[in-house]
Amino acid sequence: DSDLSMRTLSTPSPALIFPPNSTSFQNGRRSSTSSSSVTGETVAMVHSPPPTRLTHPLIRLASKHQKEQANIDRLPDHSMIQIFSFLPTNQLCRCARVCRRWYNLAWDPRLWRTIRLTGETINVDRALKVLTRRLCQDTPNVCLMLETVIVSGCRRLTDRGLYTIAQCCPELRRLEVSGCYNISNEAVFDVVSLCPNLEHLDVSGCSKVTCISLTREASIKLSPLHGKQISIRYLDMTDCFVLEDEGLHTIAAHCTQLTHLYLRRCVRITDEGLRYLMIYCTSIKELSVSDCRFVSDFGMREIAKLESRLRYLSIAHCGRITDVGIRYIAKYCSKLRYLNARGCEGITDHGVEYLAKNCTKLKSLDIGKCPLVSDTGLEFLALNCFNLKRLSLKSCESITGQGLQIVAANCFDLQMLNVQDCDVSVDALRFVKRHCKRCIIEHTNPAFF
């Protein structure tokens, strides 16, 4: 009883989290990093437990026979928690208001491995403070079970909210704050310094974030051998427009375990930044530098140092990349599975030939808006890349139906073909459909349906 009374006194009002008529808290997928069998995500409004007795006159009329029919109350606690883990947020909130037992079960820490907040108007800083305070009751000041925090699109998130996460969530493994443009480097530094297990960080669209590093205090406290290491493996900095080569150098030096890095539209990055990256981060499997207009063939030479480890590469709209850069990638990155080179107008049939003959396990290729690629390049693809599943040729002016027929006759596993704005006949499209029956064709030919 004393424990319940303490929970009641320290539990804040639901109005602190939910604005009027808001459904900002949503239930998400299970956390892949959970060690327990109960991994359901729960984010709910916080309220006081219901009273011991229900005194409403209508409820008093309930018969003993009706009470005996509530067989669900006979289930043990672990079974109830398993059931609660599948409930959406609003239903779980209602369950928490049924009785004291259900209230305590609904706030079981195992149901709170993930917090997901959405909505542009929600006071997310206050919500995080309320939720972490409630979850820290059994383990004062620390949320030991919380592993994932997703607050993407919450534009009212500030450094104060990230400070709360850093202070209370030492076991955090995943943090997504995409589109939260009010957060700064200092708050991100605090999170990576105080959450040593953080592996997944998404700061896409956070225009004030220019670097990922430890705080000065954390660097001093840690040993010289491990003081500069951050365990992040997945980092998304898409649309971080202010990121420059110097910041990328710092990121590479501290995050040497990176395997997935996305720098889409980081327009200030140059070949020099990629050189720094390849010095420290030799385990990268997926890399995107799409729309980084200063990246050229010299940058491709640096990326090629990843060799067979590289599986995914996006260089879309990097206008300075030509066949020379593609040849570097094709020669050294033989296990490449995905290449997006859309809008690289310097790529010709020769570049496609190098790629097809050396990266024979290629599964997805986008060479749309490459006007110098013709049926000759498609023939090289068809005769070497039999595992091709996705091919985009959008706005390739030199492509005809003959090239498509060669591809369809050899790549039977083709599942997606984009030929929008290409001069191909209806007969060629029908030929593709006959030979690749599972293929979805995206086209602009009104005569084919």
Protein backbone atom coordinates (compact mmCIF):
# COMPACT_ATOMS: atom_id res chain seq x y z
CA ASP A 1 0.00 0.00 0.00
CA SER A 2 2.82 2.42 0.80
CA ASP A 3 4.37 1.77 -2.59
CA LEU A 4 1.07 2.42 -4.31
CA SER A 5 0.54 5.62 -2.41
CA MET A 6 3.99 6.83 -3.43
CA ARG A 7 3.22 6.10 -7.07
CA THR A 8 -0.04 8.01 -6.79
CA LEU A 9 1.56 11.10 -5.31
CA SER A 10 4.39 11.26 -7.85
CA THR A 11 2.26 10.58 -10.93
CA PRO A 12 1.52 13.76 -12.87
CA SER A 13 -1.59 14.78 -14.73
CA PRO A 14 -2.22 13.49 -18.26
CA ALA A 15 -2.55 17.09 -19.44
CA LEU A 16 1.24 17.43 -19.11
CA ILE A 17 1.68 15.05 -22.01
CA PHE A 18 -1.41 15.09 -24.15
CA PRO A 19 -2.76 18.30 -25.68
CA PRO A 20 -6.56 18.45 -26.04
CA ASN A 21 -7.97 15.98 -28.56
CA SER A 22 -4.47 14.70 -29.32
CA THR A 23 -3.46 11.22 -30.36
CA SER A 24 0.22 11.96 -30.46
CA PHE A 25 1.41 8.82 -28.73
CA GLN A 26 1.43 5.80 -30.98
CA ASN A 27 2.31 2.18 -30.47
CA GLY A 28 5.20 0.95 -32.62
CA ARG A 29 6.99 -2.19 -33.56
CA ARG A 30 8.86 -4.38 -31.17
CA SER A 31 12.43 -3.48 -30.36
CA SER A 32 14.92 -5.78 -32.04
CA THR A 33 17.44 -5.26 -29.24
CA SER A 34 15.24 -6.55 -26.44
CA SER A 35 16.41 -9.51 -24.44
CA SER A 36 13.03 -10.16 -22.84
CA SER A 37 10.11 -11.93 -24.46
CA VAL A 38 7.94 -8.90 -23.79
CA THR A 39 9.04 -6.23 -26.21
CA GLY A 40 5.87 -4.29 -27.02
CA GLU A 41 6.22 -0.56 -27.30
CA THR A 42 4.09 1.59 -25.01
CA VAL A 43 3.69 5.30 -24.78
CA ALA A 44 0.69 6.38 -22.78
CA MET A 45 -0.64 9.30 -20.83
CA VAL A 46 0.23 9.21 -17.14
CA HIS A 47 -2.56 9.15 -14.59
CA SER A 48 -3.27 8.16 -11.03
CA PRO A 49 -4.35 4.60 -10.21
CA PRO A 50 -8.06 4.02 -9.74
CA PRO A 51 -9.48 3.89 -6.21
CA THR A 52 -9.75 0.63 -4.35
CA ARG A 53 -13.54 0.68 -4.41
CA LEU A 54 -15.81 1.86 -7.16
CA THR A 55 -18.61 3.85 -5.50
CA HIS A 56 -20.75 4.78 -8.49
CA PRO A 57 -24.39 3.72 -7.80
CA LEU A 58 -24.74 1.90 -11.11
CA ILE A 59 -21.60 -0.11 -10.50
CA ARG A 60 -22.90 -1.23 -7.10
CA LEU A 61 -25.72 -3.03 -8.87
CA ALA A 62 -23.32 -5.46 -10.51
CA SER A 63 -24.07 -8.96 -9.30
CA LYS A 64 -21.59 -11.43 -7.86
CA HIS A 65 -22.34 -13.68 -10.81
CA GLN A 66 -21.06 -11.01 -13.22
CA LYS A 67 -17.85 -10.65 -11.19
CA GLU A 68 -17.24 -14.36 -11.30
CA GLN A 69 -17.38 -14.24 -15.13
CA ALA A 70 -14.26 -12.03 -15.32
CA ASN A 71 -11.96 -14.96 -16.03
CA ILE A 72 -9.20 -12.67 -17.23
CA ASP A 73 -8.46 -11.76 -13.63
CA ARG A 74 -7.44 -15.35 -13.02
CA LEU A 75 -4.50 -15.05 -15.40
CA PRO A 76 -1.08 -14.67 -13.80
CA ASP A 77 0.78 -11.37 -14.06
CA HIS A 78 3.23 -12.53 -16.73
CA SER A 79 0.36 -13.56 -19.01
CA MET A 80 -1.36 -10.22 -18.51
CA ILE A 81 1.83 -8.35 -19.36
CA GLN A 82 2.22 -10.40 -22.52
CA ILE A 83 -1.34 -9.45 -23.53
CA PHE A 84 -0.73 -5.78 -22.73
CA SER A 85 2.35 -5.76 -24.94
CA PHE A 86 0.12 -6.16 -28.01
CA LEU A 87 -2.35 -3.40 -27.13
CA PRO A 88 -2.31 0.01 -28.81
CA THR A 89 -1.53 2.94 -26.59
CA ASN A 90 -5.03 4.27 -26.02
CA GLN A 91 -6.35 0.81 -25.09
CA LEU A 92 -3.49 0.28 -22.67
CA CYS A 93 -4.34 3.60 -21.02
CA ARG A 94 -7.91 2.44 -20.53
CA CYS A 95 -6.71 -0.84 -19.09
CA ALA A 96 -4.57 1.05 -16.60
CA ARG A 97 -7.74 2.69 -15.23
CA VAL A 98 -9.58 -0.55 -14.54
CA CYS A 99 -8.09 -1.42 -11.14
CA ARG A 100 -4.93 -1.16 -9.10
CA ARG A 101 -3.56 -4.45 -10.38
CA TRP A 102 -3.99 -3.46 -14.02
CA TYR A 103 -2.49 -0.05 -13.30
CA ASN A 104 0.68 -1.61 -11.91
CA LEU A 105 0.88 -4.11 -14.77
CA ALA A 106 0.44 -1.38 -17.40
CA TRP A 107 3.48 0.41 -16.00
CA ASP A 108 5.64 -2.67 -15.93
CA PRO A 109 9.10 -1.59 -17.19
CA ARG A 110 9.16 -4.45 -19.70
CA LEU A 111 6.38 -2.69 -21.61
CA TRP A 112 8.48 0.44 -21.87
CA ARG A 113 11.50 -0.56 -23.92
CA THR A 114 10.47 2.01 -26.52
CA ILE A 115 9.03 5.52 -26.33
CA ARG A 116 7.56 6.99 -29.50
CA LEU A 117 6.24 10.56 -29.61
CA THR A 118 4.83 12.18 -32.74
CA GLY A 119 3.20 15.48 -33.52
CA GLU A 120 4.40 19.00 -34.18
CA THR A 121 2.41 20.60 -31.36
CA ILE A 122 3.22 18.27 -28.48
CA ASN A 123 5.40 19.63 -25.66
CA VAL A 124 7.88 16.81 -26.11
CA ASP A 125 10.42 18.13 -23.59
CA ARG A 126 7.83 18.00 -20.83
CA ALA A 127 6.51 14.65 -22.02
CA LEU A 128 9.97 13.07 -21.86
CA LYS A 129 10.51 14.47 -18.39
CA VAL A 130 7.17 13.11 -17.18
CA LEU A 131 7.66 9.67 -18.69
CA THR A 132 11.23 9.19 -17.52
CA ARG A 133 10.30 10.33 -14.01
CA ARG A 134 7.52 7.76 -13.89
CA LEU A 135 9.73 5.00 -15.27
CA CYS A 136 12.51 5.81 -12.79
CA GLN A 137 10.44 5.09 -9.69
CA ASP A 138 11.63 1.51 -9.20
CA THR A 139 15.22 2.40 -10.17
CA PRO A 140 15.75 5.98 -8.93
CA ASN A 141 16.93 8.43 -11.60
CA VAL A 142 17.62 5.67 -14.14
CA CYS A 143 15.44 3.98 -16.78
CA LEU A 144 17.28 0.69 -17.11
CA MET A 145 14.77 -0.91 -19.49
CA LEU A 146 14.37 1.93 -21.97
CA GLU A 147 16.33 1.18 -25.15
CA THR A 148 14.62 3.15 -27.94
CA VAL A 149 13.41 6.74 -28.12
CA ILE A 150 11.73 7.94 -31.33
CA VAL A 151 10.62 11.57 -31.42
CA SER A 152 10.90 12.21 -35.15
CA GLY A 153 8.93 15.21 -36.37
CA CYS A 154 8.49 16.71 -32.90
CA ARG A 155 9.61 20.20 -33.79
CA ARG A 156 9.25 21.45 -30.23
CA LEU A 157 12.01 19.15 -29.04
CA THR A 158 14.94 21.16 -27.69
CA ASP A 159 18.24 20.44 -26.01
CA ARG A 160 16.38 20.17 -22.70
CA GLY A 161 14.57 17.03 -23.90
CA LEU A 162 17.82 15.42 -25.06
CA TYR A 163 19.46 16.27 -21.73
CA THR A 164 16.63 14.37 -20.01
CA ILE A 165 17.28 11.32 -22.20
CA ALA A 166 21.02 11.51 -21.63
CA GLN A 167 20.66 11.73 -17.85
CA CYS A 168 18.00 9.03 -17.39
CA CYS A 169 18.56 6.45 -20.14
CA PRO A 170 22.05 4.92 -19.84
CA GLU A 171 20.94 1.75 -21.72
CA LEU A 172 19.68 3.66 -24.75
CA ARG A 173 20.50 1.90 -28.01
CA ARG A 174 18.44 3.80 -30.57
CA LEU A 175 17.58 7.49 -30.87
CA GLU A 176 15.66 9.08 -33.74
CA VAL A 177 15.18 12.86 -33.72
CA SER A 178 14.79 13.51 -37.45
CA GLY A 179 13.20 16.84 -38.29
CA CYS A 180 13.87 18.31 -34.82
CA TYR A 181 15.75 21.38 -35.99
CA ASN A 182 16.03 23.02 -32.55
CA ILE A 183 18.61 20.61 -31.12
CA SER A 184 22.30 21.48 -31.13
CA ASN A 185 25.68 19.75 -31.04
CA GLU A 186 25.99 20.08 -27.26
CA ALA A 187 22.87 18.04 -26.54
CA VAL A 188 23.88 15.34 -29.03
CA PHE A 189 27.33 15.20 -27.42
CA ASP A 190 25.70 14.62 -24.04
CA VAL A 191 23.62 11.74 -25.37
CA VAL A 192 26.53 9.89 -27.00
CA SER A 193 28.70 10.51 -23.92
CA LEU A 194 26.22 9.28 -21.31
CA CYS A 195 24.67 6.47 -23.38
CA PRO A 196 27.66 4.23 -24.19
CA ASN A 197 25.49 1.54 -25.84
CA LEU A 198 23.95 3.87 -28.43
CA GLU A 199 24.20 2.17 -31.82
CA HIS A 200 21.54 3.86 -33.99
CA LEU A 201 21.35 7.65 -34.31
CA ASP A 202 19.10 9.53 -36.74
CA VAL A 203 19.58 13.32 -36.77
CA SER A 204 18.39 13.86 -40.34
CA GLY A 205 16.99 17.32 -40.88
CA CYS A 206 18.64 18.70 -37.73
CA SER A 207 20.28 21.66 -39.41
CA LYS A 208 22.16 22.81 -36.30
CA VAL A 209 23.99 19.51 -35.88
CA THR A 210 27.41 19.76 -37.49
CA CYS A 211 29.33 17.04 -35.66
CA ILE A 212 29.05 13.90 -33.51
CA SER A 213 31.57 13.76 -30.67
CA LEU A 214 32.01 13.22 -26.94
CA THR A 215 31.82 16.02 -24.42
CA ARG A 216 35.13 17.29 -23.11
CA GLU A 217 34.35 15.91 -19.63
CA ALA A 218 33.67 12.43 -21.03
CA SER A 219 36.90 12.45 -23.02
CA ILE A 220 38.90 13.33 -19.91
CA LYS A 221 37.29 10.66 -17.73
CA LEU A 222 37.67 7.81 -20.19
CA SER A 223 40.91 6.00 -20.80
CA PRO A 224 43.25 7.20 -23.56
CA LEU A 225 42.75 4.00 -25.53
CA HIS A 226 38.96 4.08 -25.52
CA GLY A 227 38.18 7.68 -24.75
CA LYS A 228 37.53 8.65 -28.35
CA GLN A 229 35.35 5.70 -29.30
CA ILE A 230 31.60 5.93 -29.80
CA SER A 231 29.69 2.72 -30.42
CA ILE A 232 27.37 4.17 -33.11
CA ARG A 233 27.03 1.90 -36.12
CA TYR A 234 24.10 3.55 -37.91
CA LEU A 235 24.22 7.32 -38.49
CA ASP A 236 21.79 9.29 -40.64
CA MET A 237 22.72 12.95 -41.19
CA THR A 238 20.55 13.57 -44.23
CA ASP A 239 19.81 17.28 -44.77
CA CYS A 240 22.37 18.40 -42.19
CA PHE A 241 23.31 21.23 -44.54
CA VAL A 242 25.96 22.78 -42.29
CA LEU A 243 28.07 19.61 -42.05
CA GLU A 244 31.53 20.24 -43.51
CA ASP A 245 34.68 18.19 -44.07
CA GLU A 246 36.06 19.13 -40.66
CA GLY A 247 32.93 17.87 -38.92
CA LEU A 248 33.00 14.66 -40.96
CA HIS A 249 36.63 14.22 -39.93
CA THR A 250 35.64 14.43 -36.26
CA ILE A 251 32.76 12.01 -36.78
CA ALA A 252 35.02 9.49 -38.51
CA ALA A 253 37.69 9.72 -35.79
CA HIS A 254 35.16 9.10 -32.99
CA CYS A 255 32.71 6.71 -34.68
CA THR A 256 35.10 4.12 -36.09
CA GLN A 257 32.50 1.32 -35.87
CA LEU A 258 30.17 2.88 -38.45
CA THR A 259 28.58 0.43 -40.87
CA HIS A 260 25.72 2.59 -42.21
CA LEU A 261 26.25 6.27 -43.02
CA TYR A 262 23.84 8.54 -44.89
CA LEU A 263 24.95 12.04 -45.92
CA ARG A 264 22.23 12.90 -48.42
CA ARG A 265 22.15 16.58 -49.33
CA CYS A 266 25.09 17.45 -47.09
CA VAL A 267 26.08 19.88 -49.79
CA ARG A 268 29.35 21.09 -48.23
CA ILE A 269 31.02 17.67 -48.17
CA THR A 270 33.89 17.25 -50.64
CA ASP A 271 36.33 14.52 -51.66
CA GLU A 272 38.57 15.55 -48.76
CA GLY A 273 35.87 14.66 -46.26
CA LEU A 274 35.50 11.23 -47.83
CA ARG A 275 39.25 10.75 -47.55
CA TYR A 276 39.04 11.33 -43.78
CA LEU A 277 36.12 8.94 -43.60
CA MET A 278 37.97 6.09 -45.28
CA ILE A 279 40.97 6.48 -42.97
CA TYR A 280 38.98 5.69 -39.82
CA CYS A 281 35.76 3.95 -40.86
CA THR A 282 36.83 0.85 -42.74
CA SER A 283 33.71 -1.22 -41.97
CA ILE A 284 31.11 0.81 -43.83
CA LYS A 285 28.61 -1.34 -45.72
CA GLU A 286 26.11 1.32 -46.77
CA LEU A 287 27.00 4.85 -47.81
CA SER A 288 24.98 7.64 -49.37
CA VAL A 289 26.41 10.91 -50.66
CA SER A 290 23.46 11.75 -52.90
CA ASP A 291 23.22 15.39 -53.97
CA CYS A 292 26.71 16.15 -52.62
CA ARG A 293 27.64 18.14 -55.69
CA PHE A 294 31.32 18.57 -54.77
CA VAL A 295 31.98 14.81 -54.70
CA SER A 296 33.85 13.72 -57.81
CA ASP A 297 35.79 10.77 -59.24
CA PHE A 298 38.51 11.37 -56.62
CA GLY A 299 35.92 10.72 -53.92
CA MET A 300 34.96 7.49 -55.67
CA ARG A 301 38.61 6.45 -55.52
CA GLU A 302 38.49 6.90 -51.74
CA ILE A 303 35.20 5.03 -51.37
CA ALA A 304 36.64 2.16 -53.40
CA LYS A 305 39.04 1.50 -50.50
CA LEU A 306 36.12 -0.17 -48.72
CA GLU A 307 36.51 -2.95 -51.29
CA SER A 308 34.26 -5.98 -50.80
CA ARG A 309 32.73 -4.61 -47.60
CA LEU A 310 30.65 -2.05 -49.52
CA ARG A 311 27.19 -3.35 -50.44
CA TYR A 312 25.11 -0.16 -50.89
CA LEU A 313 26.19 3.08 -52.57
CA SER A 314 24.13 6.11 -53.53
CA ILE A 315 25.77 8.86 -55.60
CA ALA A 316 22.61 10.27 -57.16
CA HIS A 317 22.91 13.71 -58.72
CA CYS A 318 26.66 13.93 -58.11
CA GLY A 319 27.32 15.60 -61.45
CA ARG A 320 31.12 15.43 -61.20
CA ILE A 321 31.19 11.62 -61.24
CA THR A 322 31.99 9.99 -64.58
CA ASP A 323 32.98 6.57 -65.91
CA VAL A 324 36.33 6.96 -64.14
CA GLY A 325 34.68 6.96 -60.73
CA ILE A 326 32.40 4.07 -61.66
CA ARG A 327 35.44 2.11 -62.80
CA TYR A 328 37.08 2.53 -59.37
CA ILE A 329 33.96 1.18 -57.67
CA ALA A 330 33.54 -1.68 -60.14
CA LYS A 331 37.17 -2.77 -59.85
CA TYR A 332 37.42 -2.95 -56.05
CA CYS A 333 33.85 -3.28 -54.72
CA SER A 334 32.93 -6.56 -56.35
CA LYS A 335 30.21 -7.43 -53.83
CA LEU A 336 28.17 -4.30 -54.46
CA ARG A 337 24.44 -5.06 -54.39
CA TYR A 338 22.84 -1.62 -54.78
CA LEU A 339 23.95 1.41 -56.81
CA ASN A 340 22.01 4.62 -57.29
CA ALA A 341 23.68 6.79 -59.91
CA ARG A 342 20.62 8.70 -61.07
CA GLY A 343 21.44 12.05 -62.59
CA CYS A 344 25.17 11.33 -63.04
CA GLU A 345 25.17 12.51 -66.64
CA GLY A 346 28.86 11.71 -67.17
CA ILE A 347 28.21 7.94 -67.02
CA THR A 348 28.18 6.17 -70.38
CA ASP A 349 27.90 2.63 -71.70
CA HIS A 350 31.58 2.09 -70.85
CA GLY A 351 30.90 2.76 -67.16
CA VAL A 352 27.95 0.37 -67.21
CA GLU A 353 30.17 -2.24 -68.89
CA TYR A 354 32.80 -2.00 -66.11
CA LEU A 355 30.07 -2.27 -63.52
CA ALA A 356 28.29 -5.23 -65.08
CA LYS A 357 31.44 -7.30 -65.65
CA ASN A 358 32.85 -6.80 -62.14
CA CYS A 359 29.75 -6.48 -59.92
CA THR A 360 27.90 -9.51 -61.18
CA LYS A 361 25.85 -9.86 -57.98
CA LEU A 362 24.21 -6.47 -58.46
CA LYS A 363 20.52 -6.57 -57.52
CA SER A 364 19.41 -2.96 -57.81
CA LEU A 365 20.61 -0.30 -60.24
CA ASP A 366 19.33 3.22 -60.87
CA ILE A 367 20.87 4.96 -63.89
CA GLY A 368 17.94 7.23 -64.64
CA LYS A 369 18.63 10.59 -66.25
CA CYS A 370 21.90 9.31 -67.70
CA PRO A 371 21.41 10.30 -71.34
CA LEU A 372 24.64 8.65 -72.54
CA VAL A 373 23.54 5.14 -71.49
CA SER A 374 21.99 3.22 -74.41
CA ASP A 375 20.92 -0.31 -75.35
CA THR A 376 24.59 -1.31 -75.50
CA GLY A 377 24.94 -0.73 -71.77
CA LEU A 378 21.74 -2.68 -71.11
CA GLU A 379 23.12 -5.61 -73.08
CA PHE A 380 26.19 -5.75 -70.81
CA LEU A 381 23.88 -5.73 -67.79
CA ALA A 382 21.68 -8.49 -69.17
CA LEU A 383 24.60 -10.78 -69.99
CA ASN A 384 26.36 -10.42 -66.64
CA CYS A 385 23.92 -9.42 -63.88
CA PHE A 386 21.42 -12.28 -63.87
CA ASN A 387 20.31 -11.52 -60.29
CA LEU A 388 19.08 -8.02 -61.14
CA LYS A 389 15.73 -7.34 -59.43
CA ARG A 390 15.28 -3.58 -59.70
CA LEU A 391 16.27 -1.40 -62.65
CA SER A 392 15.45 2.27 -63.15
CA LEU A 393 16.00 3.85 -66.55
CA LYS A 394 13.79 6.89 -66.08
CA SER A 395 14.42 9.64 -68.63
CA CYS A 396 17.20 7.72 -70.40
CA GLU A 397 16.78 9.18 -73.87
CA SER A 398 18.94 6.62 -75.66
CA ILE A 399 17.08 3.53 -74.40
CA THR A 400 14.78 1.68 -76.83
CA GLY A 401 12.56 -1.38 -76.69
CA GLN A 402 15.35 -3.59 -78.04
CA GLY A 403 17.46 -3.01 -74.91
CA LEU A 404 14.51 -3.83 -72.66
CA GLN A 405 13.86 -7.09 -74.47
CA ILE A 406 17.47 -8.18 -73.97
CA VAL A 407 17.19 -7.44 -70.25
CA ALA A 408 13.86 -9.28 -69.90
CA ALA A 409 15.19 -12.33 -71.77
CA ASN A 410 18.07 -12.76 -69.32
CA CYS A 411 16.99 -11.28 -65.99
CA PHE A 412 13.99 -13.46 -65.10
CA ASP A 413 13.92 -12.29 -61.47
CA LEU A 414 13.30 -8.66 -62.40
CA GLN A 415 10.67 -7.26 -60.01
CA MET A 416 10.68 -3.52 -60.78
CA LEU A 417 11.39 -1.67 -64.02
CA ASN A 418 11.08 2.10 -64.36
CA VAL A 419 10.98 3.33 -67.96
CA GLN A 420 9.11 6.57 -67.44
CA ASP A 421 9.82 9.18 -70.09
CA CYS A 422 11.63 6.61 -72.26
CA ASP A 423 10.85 6.05 -75.91
CA VAL A 424 9.84 2.39 -75.75
CA SER A 425 7.05 0.65 -77.62
CA VAL A 426 4.05 -1.17 -76.21
CA ASP A 427 5.32 -4.42 -77.73
CA ALA A 428 8.57 -4.11 -75.77
CA LEU A 429 6.66 -3.57 -72.53
CA ARG A 430 4.49 -6.60 -73.23
CA PHE A 431 7.60 -8.66 -73.93
CA VAL A 432 8.98 -7.69 -70.52
CA LYS A 433 5.69 -8.62 -68.86
CA ARG A 434 5.66 -12.07 -70.50
CA HIS A 435 9.19 -12.98 -69.47
CA CYS A 436 9.24 -11.27 -66.04
CA LYS A 437 5.80 -12.06 -64.72
CA ARG A 438 6.44 -10.62 -61.26
CA CYS A 439 7.83 -7.37 -62.63
CA ILE A 440 6.06 -4.09 -61.88
CA ILE A 441 6.60 -1.71 -64.79
CA GLU A 442 6.49 2.02 -64.19
CA HIS A 443 5.91 3.76 -67.51
CA THR A 444 4.29 6.76 -69.18
CA ASN A 445 2.88 4.98 -72.23
CA PRO A 446 -0.94 5.39 -72.12
CA ALA A 447 -1.42 2.49 -74.55
CA PHE A 448 0.05 -0.06 -72.11
CA PHE A 449 -1.94 -1.10 -69.06
